[in-house]
Amino acid sequence: MSTFEHSLKKLETIVDQLEKGDLTLEESLKLFEEGIGLSAACKKELEAAEGKVQMLIKQRDGSLKTEPFPPEK
């Protein structure tokens, strides 16, 4: 499993735990802080992937052809 998928899975677990609402304030804050870090890491990886995609679709004349990703089903 890649770092992105691992981070995203961990983030989903943290969100589930926080939504249950049965943690102490200290536990909630610790998980929230970890979640913020994971969210930032995921965003950074997604931005890097977007940059790679843009490079791959660069046209022969040097112009950049951007196309949206197809919607998820």
C-alpha atoms as a PDB file:
ATOM      1  CA  MET A   1       0.000   0.000   0.000  1.00  0.00           C
ATOM      2  CA  SER A   2       1.384   3.380  -0.963  1.00  0.00           C
ATOM      3  CA  THR A   3       1.965   6.152   1.505  1.00  0.00           C
ATOM      4  CA  PHE A   4      -1.047   8.079   0.192  1.00  0.00           C
ATOM      5  CA  GLU A   5      -3.451   5.163   0.585  1.00  0.00           C
ATOM      6  CA  HIS A   6      -2.063   4.343   4.018  1.00  0.00           C
ATOM      7  CA  SER A   7      -2.396   7.966   5.162  1.00  0.00           C
ATOM      8  CA  LEU A   8      -5.907   8.243   3.762  1.00  0.00           C
ATOM      9  CA  LYS A   9      -7.008   5.007   5.463  1.00  0.00           C
ATOM     10  CA  LYS A  10      -5.561   6.208   8.791  1.00  0.00           C
ATOM     11  CA  LEU A  11      -7.294   9.567   8.343  1.00  0.00           C
ATOM     12  CA  GLU A  12     -10.624   7.812   7.737  1.00  0.00           C
ATOM     13  CA  THR A  13     -10.111   5.793  10.924  1.00  0.00           C
ATOM     14  CA  ILE A  14      -9.399   8.960  12.903  1.00  0.00           C
ATOM     15  CA  VAL A  15     -12.508  10.681  11.536  1.00  0.00           C
ATOM     16  CA  ASP A  16     -14.618   7.647  12.503  1.00  0.00           C
ATOM     17  CA  GLN A  17     -13.198   7.708  16.035  1.00  0.00           C
ATOM     18  CA  LEU A  18     -13.797  11.438  16.420  1.00  0.00           C
ATOM     19  CA  GLU A  19     -17.349  11.198  15.079  1.00  0.00           C
ATOM     20  CA  LYS A  20     -18.264   8.603  17.705  1.00  0.00           C
ATOM     21  CA  GLY A  21     -17.660  11.236  20.371  1.00  0.00           C
ATOM     22  CA  ASP A  22     -16.650   8.819  23.111  1.00  0.00           C
ATOM     23  CA  LEU A  23     -13.067  10.035  23.529  1.00  0.00           C
ATOM     24  CA  THR A  24     -11.711  12.323  26.178  1.00  0.00           C
ATOM     25  CA  LEU A  25     -10.848  15.865  25.186  1.00  0.00           C
ATOM     26  CA  GLU A  26      -7.144  15.050  25.363  1.00  0.00           C
ATOM     27  CA  GLU A  27      -7.566  11.952  23.149  1.00  0.00           C
ATOM     28  CA  SER A  28      -9.691  13.915  20.696  1.00  0.00           C
ATOM     29  CA  LEU A  29      -7.132  16.703  20.423  1.00  0.00           C
ATOM     30  CA  LYS A  30      -4.308  14.208  19.896  1.00  0.00           C
ATOM     31  CA  LEU A  31      -6.238  12.439  17.112  1.00  0.00           C
ATOM     32  CA  PHE A  32      -7.291  15.747  15.571  1.00  0.00           C
ATOM     33  CA  GLU A  33      -3.672  16.898  15.453  1.00  0.00           C
ATOM     34  CA  GLU A  34      -2.630  13.617  13.826  1.00  0.00           C
ATOM     35  CA  GLY A  35      -5.494  13.956  11.338  1.00  0.00           C
ATOM     36  CA  ILE A  36      -4.425  17.466  10.353  1.00  0.00           C
ATOM     37  CA  GLY A  37      -0.925  16.173   9.657  1.00  0.00           C
ATOM     38  CA  LEU A  38      -2.246  13.278   7.586  1.00  0.00           C
ATOM     39  CA  SER A  39      -4.542  15.605   5.666  1.00  0.00           C
ATOM     40  CA  ALA A  40      -1.625  17.883   4.818  1.00  0.00           C
ATOM     41  CA  ALA A  41       0.486  14.913   3.703  1.00  0.00           C
ATOM     42  CA  CYS A  42      -2.326  13.625   1.466  1.00  0.00           C
ATOM     43  CA  LYS A  43      -2.827  17.078  -0.044  1.00  0.00           C
ATOM     44  CA  LYS A  44       0.881  17.361  -0.795  1.00  0.00           C
ATOM     45  CA  GLU A  45       0.916  13.971  -2.526  1.00  0.00           C
ATOM     46  CA  LEU A  46      -2.197  14.837  -4.556  1.00  0.00           C
ATOM     47  CA  GLU A  47      -0.652  18.126  -5.682  1.00  0.00           C
ATOM     48  CA  ALA A  48       2.512  16.281  -6.745  1.00  0.00           C
ATOM     49  CA  ALA A  49       0.419  13.778  -8.697  1.00  0.00           C
ATOM     50  CA  GLU A  50      -1.497  16.609 -10.365  1.00  0.00           C
ATOM     51  CA  GLY A  51       1.792  18.169 -11.423  1.00  0.00           C
ATOM     52  CA  LYS A  52       2.915  14.882 -12.954  1.00  0.00           C
ATOM     53  CA  VAL A  53      -0.383  14.517 -14.811  1.00  0.00           C
ATOM     54  CA  GLN A  54      -0.067  18.034 -16.210  1.00  0.00           C
ATOM     55  CA  MET A  55       3.429  17.249 -17.441  1.00  0.00           C
ATOM     56  CA  LEU A  56       2.197  14.068 -19.102  1.00  0.00           C
ATOM     57  CA  ILE A  57      -0.555  15.863 -21.007  1.00  0.00           C
ATOM     58  CA  LYS A  58       1.683  18.703 -22.165  1.00  0.00           C
ATOM     59  CA  GLN A  59       1.192  19.206 -25.860  1.00  0.00           C
ATOM     60  CA  ARG A  60       3.954  18.940 -28.459  1.00  0.00           C
ATOM     61  CA  ASP A  61       3.844  22.671 -29.109  1.00  0.00           C
ATOM     62  CA  GLY A  62       4.551  23.352 -25.447  1.00  0.00           C
ATOM     63  CA  SER A  63       1.029  24.355 -24.493  1.00  0.00           C
ATOM     64  CA  LEU A  64      -0.626  22.645 -21.595  1.00  0.00           C
ATOM     65  CA  LYS A  65      -3.890  20.884 -22.185  1.00  0.00           C
ATOM     66  CA  THR A  66      -5.668  20.402 -18.894  1.00  0.00           C
ATOM     67  CA  GLU A  67      -8.603  18.073 -18.661  1.00  0.00           C
ATOM     68  CA  PRO A  68     -10.642  17.286 -15.583  1.00  0.00           C
ATOM     69  CA  PHE A  69     -10.522  13.816 -14.153  1.00  0.00           C
ATOM     70  CA  PRO A  70     -13.651  11.814 -14.938  1.00  0.00           C
ATOM     71  CA  PRO A  71     -16.120  11.792 -12.044  1.00  0.00           C
ATOM     72  CA  GLU A  72     -16.002   8.816  -9.708  1.00  0.00           C
ATOM     73  CA  LYS A  73     -18.774   6.299 -10.066  1.00  0.00           C
END
